[in-house]
C-alpha cells in the first residue's frame, strides 16, 4: 500500500494533542488499509493503553513487533514497556525497556529513564 501522508499527519497531530479516542479511530481507519504499518500499530497501542484496553494493545504490539524493521522495533518494545507498567508488571516492563535500549544505541537516556521508573514502581 502507498502511504497516505495526510492520514499519518492527522494521526500524529491528534496524538500530540492527546486526543486519545480520535487517535484510536484514525488508527483503526488507517490499519484497515494497511494492517502492517508498524508506526500506526504503535500509536494505536498507545491509545488503547490510555483507554485501559490492554488485551487489544498487546495484540497491536505483537503485530508491530513482527512487522517493524529491526532498526525501528525499539518503538514497539518501548510501548510494550508502558503497557506492562500500566498493568502493574513492573519487573517485566523494566526488562523490556532495557531490551529497547539495546536496540536503539543512539538513545542516550530515554529507555533508561523508563526502566528506572519501572524499577521504582516495583519497589
C-alpha atoms as a PDB file:
ATOM      1  CA  UNK A   1       0.000   0.000   0.000  1.00  0.00           C
ATOM      2  CA  UNK A   2       1.163   3.517  -0.663  1.00  0.00           C
ATOM      3  CA  UNK A   3       1.309   5.539   2.495  1.00  0.00           C
ATOM      4  CA  UNK A   4      -1.230   8.348   2.904  1.00  0.00           C
ATOM      5  CA  UNK A   5       0.838  11.219   4.345  1.00  0.00           C
ATOM      6  CA  UNK A   6      -2.271  13.263   5.174  1.00  0.00           C
ATOM      7  CA  UNK A   7      -3.753  10.466   7.268  1.00  0.00           C
ATOM      8  CA  UNK A   8      -0.422   9.877   9.017  1.00  0.00           C
ATOM      9  CA  UNK A   9      -0.112  13.589   9.793  1.00  0.00           C
ATOM     10  CA  UNK A  10      -3.667  13.695  11.152  1.00  0.00           C
ATOM     11  CA  UNK A  11      -2.858  10.769  13.470  1.00  0.00           C
ATOM     12  CA  UNK A  12       0.368  12.464  14.568  1.00  0.00           C
ATOM     13  CA  UNK A  13      -1.386  15.752  15.356  1.00  0.00           C
ATOM     14  CA  UNK A  14      -4.199  14.022  17.261  1.00  0.00           C
ATOM     15  CA  UNK A  15      -1.573  12.114  19.260  1.00  0.00           C
ATOM     16  CA  UNK A  16       0.302  15.320  20.087  1.00  0.00           C
ATOM     17  CA  UNK A  17      -2.985  16.839  21.302  1.00  0.00           C
ATOM     18  CA  UNK A  18      -3.738  13.772  23.466  1.00  0.00           C
ATOM     19  CA  UNK A  19      -6.991  13.156  21.589  1.00  0.00           C
ATOM     20  CA  UNK A  20      -6.987   9.536  22.660  1.00  0.00           C
ATOM     21  CA  UNK A  21     -10.327   8.422  21.244  1.00  0.00           C
ATOM     22  CA  UNK A  22      -9.703  10.224  17.975  1.00  0.00           C
ATOM     23  CA  UNK A  23      -6.256   8.623  17.648  1.00  0.00           C
ATOM     24  CA  UNK A  24      -7.871   5.236  18.136  1.00  0.00           C
ATOM     25  CA  UNK A  25     -10.474   5.976  15.475  1.00  0.00           C
ATOM     26  CA  UNK A  26      -7.922   7.311  12.971  1.00  0.00           C
ATOM     27  CA  UNK A  27      -5.562   4.382  13.549  1.00  0.00           C
ATOM     28  CA  UNK A  28      -8.349   1.857  13.070  1.00  0.00           C
ATOM     29  CA  UNK A  29      -9.267   3.505   9.764  1.00  0.00           C
ATOM     30  CA  UNK A  30      -5.642   3.578   8.631  1.00  0.00           C
ATOM     31  CA  UNK A  31      -4.995  -0.019   9.674  1.00  0.00           C
ATOM     32  CA  UNK A  32      -7.980  -1.207   7.640  1.00  0.00           C
ATOM     33  CA  UNK A  33      -5.987  -0.191   4.563  1.00  0.00           C
ATOM     34  CA  UNK A  34      -2.515  -1.058   5.825  1.00  0.00           C
ATOM     35  CA  UNK A  35      -2.687  -3.556   8.722  1.00  0.00           C
ATOM     36  CA  UNK A  36       1.103  -3.961   8.810  1.00  0.00           C
ATOM     37  CA  UNK A  37       2.089  -0.313   9.290  1.00  0.00           C
ATOM     38  CA  UNK A  38       4.250  -0.629  12.400  1.00  0.00           C
ATOM     39  CA  UNK A  39       4.259   3.050  13.421  1.00  0.00           C
ATOM     40  CA  UNK A  40       0.471   3.211  13.271  1.00  0.00           C
ATOM     41  CA  UNK A  41       0.196  -0.013  15.253  1.00  0.00           C
ATOM     42  CA  UNK A  42       2.372   1.535  17.985  1.00  0.00           C
ATOM     43  CA  UNK A  43       0.268   4.711  18.115  1.00  0.00           C
ATOM     44  CA  UNK A  44      -2.867   2.578  18.118  1.00  0.00           C
ATOM     45  CA  UNK A  45      -1.485   0.637  21.089  1.00  0.00           C
ATOM     46  CA  UNK A  46      -0.766   3.942  22.876  1.00  0.00           C
ATOM     47  CA  UNK A  47      -4.408   4.933  22.521  1.00  0.00           C
ATOM     48  CA  UNK A  48      -5.589   1.521  23.697  1.00  0.00           C
ATOM     49  CA  UNK A  49      -3.316   1.606  26.756  1.00  0.00           C
ATOM     50  CA  UNK A  50      -4.675   5.050  27.586  1.00  0.00           C
ATOM     51  CA  UNK A  51      -8.186   3.591  27.402  1.00  0.00           C
ATOM     52  CA  UNK A  52      -7.196   0.536  29.523  1.00  0.00           C
ATOM     53  CA  UNK A  53      -7.820  -1.789  26.571  1.00  0.00           C
ATOM     54  CA  UNK A  54      -4.784  -3.870  27.448  1.00  0.00           C
ATOM     55  CA  UNK A  55      -5.565  -7.052  25.512  1.00  0.00           C
ATOM     56  CA  UNK A  56      -6.112  -5.118  22.283  1.00  0.00           C
ATOM     57  CA  UNK A  57      -2.975  -3.069  22.939  1.00  0.00           C
ATOM     58  CA  UNK A  58      -0.932  -6.246  23.396  1.00  0.00           C
ATOM     59  CA  UNK A  59      -2.285  -7.635  20.120  1.00  0.00           C
ATOM     60  CA  UNK A  60      -1.373  -4.429  18.282  1.00  0.00           C
ATOM     61  CA  UNK A  61       2.127  -4.514  19.765  1.00  0.00           C
ATOM     62  CA  UNK A  62       2.575  -8.187  18.863  1.00  0.00           C
ATOM     63  CA  UNK A  63       1.831  -7.248  15.262  1.00  0.00           C
ATOM     64  CA  UNK A  64       4.029  -4.134  15.370  1.00  0.00           C
ATOM     65  CA  UNK A  65       6.994  -6.101  16.701  1.00  0.00           C
ATOM     66  CA  UNK A  66       6.509  -8.724  13.999  1.00  0.00           C
ATOM     67  CA  UNK A  67       6.438  -6.268  11.086  1.00  0.00           C
ATOM     68  CA  UNK A  68       8.698  -3.415  12.220  1.00  0.00           C
ATOM     69  CA  UNK A  69      12.132  -3.152  10.649  1.00  0.00           C
ATOM     70  CA  UNK A  70      14.794  -4.141  13.187  1.00  0.00           C
ATOM     71  CA  UNK A  71      16.070  -0.576  13.488  1.00  0.00           C
ATOM     72  CA  UNK A  72      12.546   0.640  14.428  1.00  0.00           C
ATOM     73  CA  UNK A  73      11.421  -2.254  16.626  1.00  0.00           C
ATOM     74  CA  UNK A  74      12.519  -0.406  19.764  1.00  0.00           C
ATOM     75  CA  UNK A  75       9.436   1.819  19.438  1.00  0.00           C
ATOM     76  CA  UNK A  76       7.116  -1.176  19.742  1.00  0.00           C
ATOM     77  CA  UNK A  77       9.140  -2.535  22.656  1.00  0.00           C
ATOM     78  CA  UNK A  78       9.073   0.814  24.411  1.00  0.00           C
ATOM     79  CA  UNK A  79       5.310   0.971  24.081  1.00  0.00           C
ATOM     80  CA  UNK A  80       5.072  -2.600  25.382  1.00  0.00           C
ATOM     81  CA  UNK A  81       7.015  -1.429  28.422  1.00  0.00           C
ATOM     82  CA  UNK A  82       4.354   1.228  29.007  1.00  0.00           C
ATOM     83  CA  UNK A  83       1.648  -1.414  28.628  1.00  0.00           C
ATOM     84  CA  UNK A  84       3.335  -3.621  31.207  1.00  0.00           C
ATOM     85  CA  UNK A  85       3.694  -0.684  33.600  1.00  0.00           C
ATOM     86  CA  UNK A  86       0.003   0.153  33.184  1.00  0.00           C
ATOM     87  CA  UNK A  87      -0.757  -3.455  34.122  1.00  0.00           C
ATOM     88  CA  UNK A  88       1.452  -3.221  37.221  1.00  0.00           C
ATOM     89  CA  UNK A  89       4.005  -5.652  35.762  1.00  0.00           C
ATOM     90  CA  UNK A  90       6.992  -3.500  36.665  1.00  0.00           C
ATOM     91  CA  UNK A  91       9.796  -6.085  36.547  1.00  0.00           C
ATOM     92  CA  UNK A  92       8.746  -7.146  33.041  1.00  0.00           C
ATOM     93  CA  UNK A  93       8.438  -3.507  31.980  1.00  0.00           C
ATOM     94  CA  UNK A  94      11.957  -2.782  33.207  1.00  0.00           C
ATOM     95  CA  UNK A  95      13.320  -5.742  31.235  1.00  0.00           C
ATOM     96  CA  UNK A  96      11.500  -4.652  28.058  1.00  0.00           C
ATOM     97  CA  UNK A  97      12.715  -1.048  28.355  1.00  0.00           C
ATOM     98  CA  UNK A  98      16.283  -2.300  28.686  1.00  0.00           C
ATOM     99  CA  UNK A  99      15.791  -4.505  25.635  1.00  0.00           C
ATOM    100  CA  UNK A 100      14.516  -1.468  23.719  1.00  0.00           C
ATOM    101  CA  UNK A 101      17.603   0.469  24.822  1.00  0.00           C
ATOM    102  CA  UNK A 102      19.775  -2.292  23.392  1.00  0.00           C
ATOM    103  CA  UNK A 103      18.059  -1.935  20.021  1.00  0.00           C
ATOM    104  CA  UNK A 104      18.477   1.848  19.980  1.00  0.00           C
ATOM    105  CA  UNK A 105      22.095   2.621  20.929  1.00  0.00           C
ATOM    106  CA  UNK A 106      21.701   6.220  19.705  1.00  0.00           C
ATOM    107  CA  UNK A 107      19.224   6.872  22.514  1.00  0.00           C
ATOM    108  CA  UNK A 108      21.170   8.311  25.417  1.00  0.00           C
ATOM    109  CA  UNK A 109      18.691   8.043  28.262  1.00  0.00           C
ATOM    110  CA  UNK A 110      15.013   7.719  27.367  1.00  0.00           C
ATOM    111  CA  UNK A 111      14.681   3.961  27.756  1.00  0.00           C
ATOM    112  CA  UNK A 112      16.945   4.003  30.814  1.00  0.00           C
ATOM    113  CA  UNK A 113      14.679   6.589  32.433  1.00  0.00           C
ATOM    114  CA  UNK A 114      11.648   4.439  31.633  1.00  0.00           C
ATOM    115  CA  UNK A 115      13.423   1.370  33.044  1.00  0.00           C
ATOM    116  CA  UNK A 116      14.258   3.299  36.203  1.00  0.00           C
ATOM    117  CA  UNK A 117      10.645   4.351  36.566  1.00  0.00           C
ATOM    118  CA  UNK A 118       9.540   0.713  36.217  1.00  0.00           C
ATOM    119  CA  UNK A 119      12.130  -0.368  38.803  1.00  0.00           C
ATOM    120  CA  UNK A 120      10.825   2.296  41.172  1.00  0.00           C
ATOM    121  CA  UNK A 121       7.294   1.007  40.611  1.00  0.00           C
ATOM    122  CA  UNK A 122       8.204  -2.477  41.748  1.00  0.00           C
ATOM    123  CA  UNK A 123       9.767  -1.096  44.897  1.00  0.00           C
END
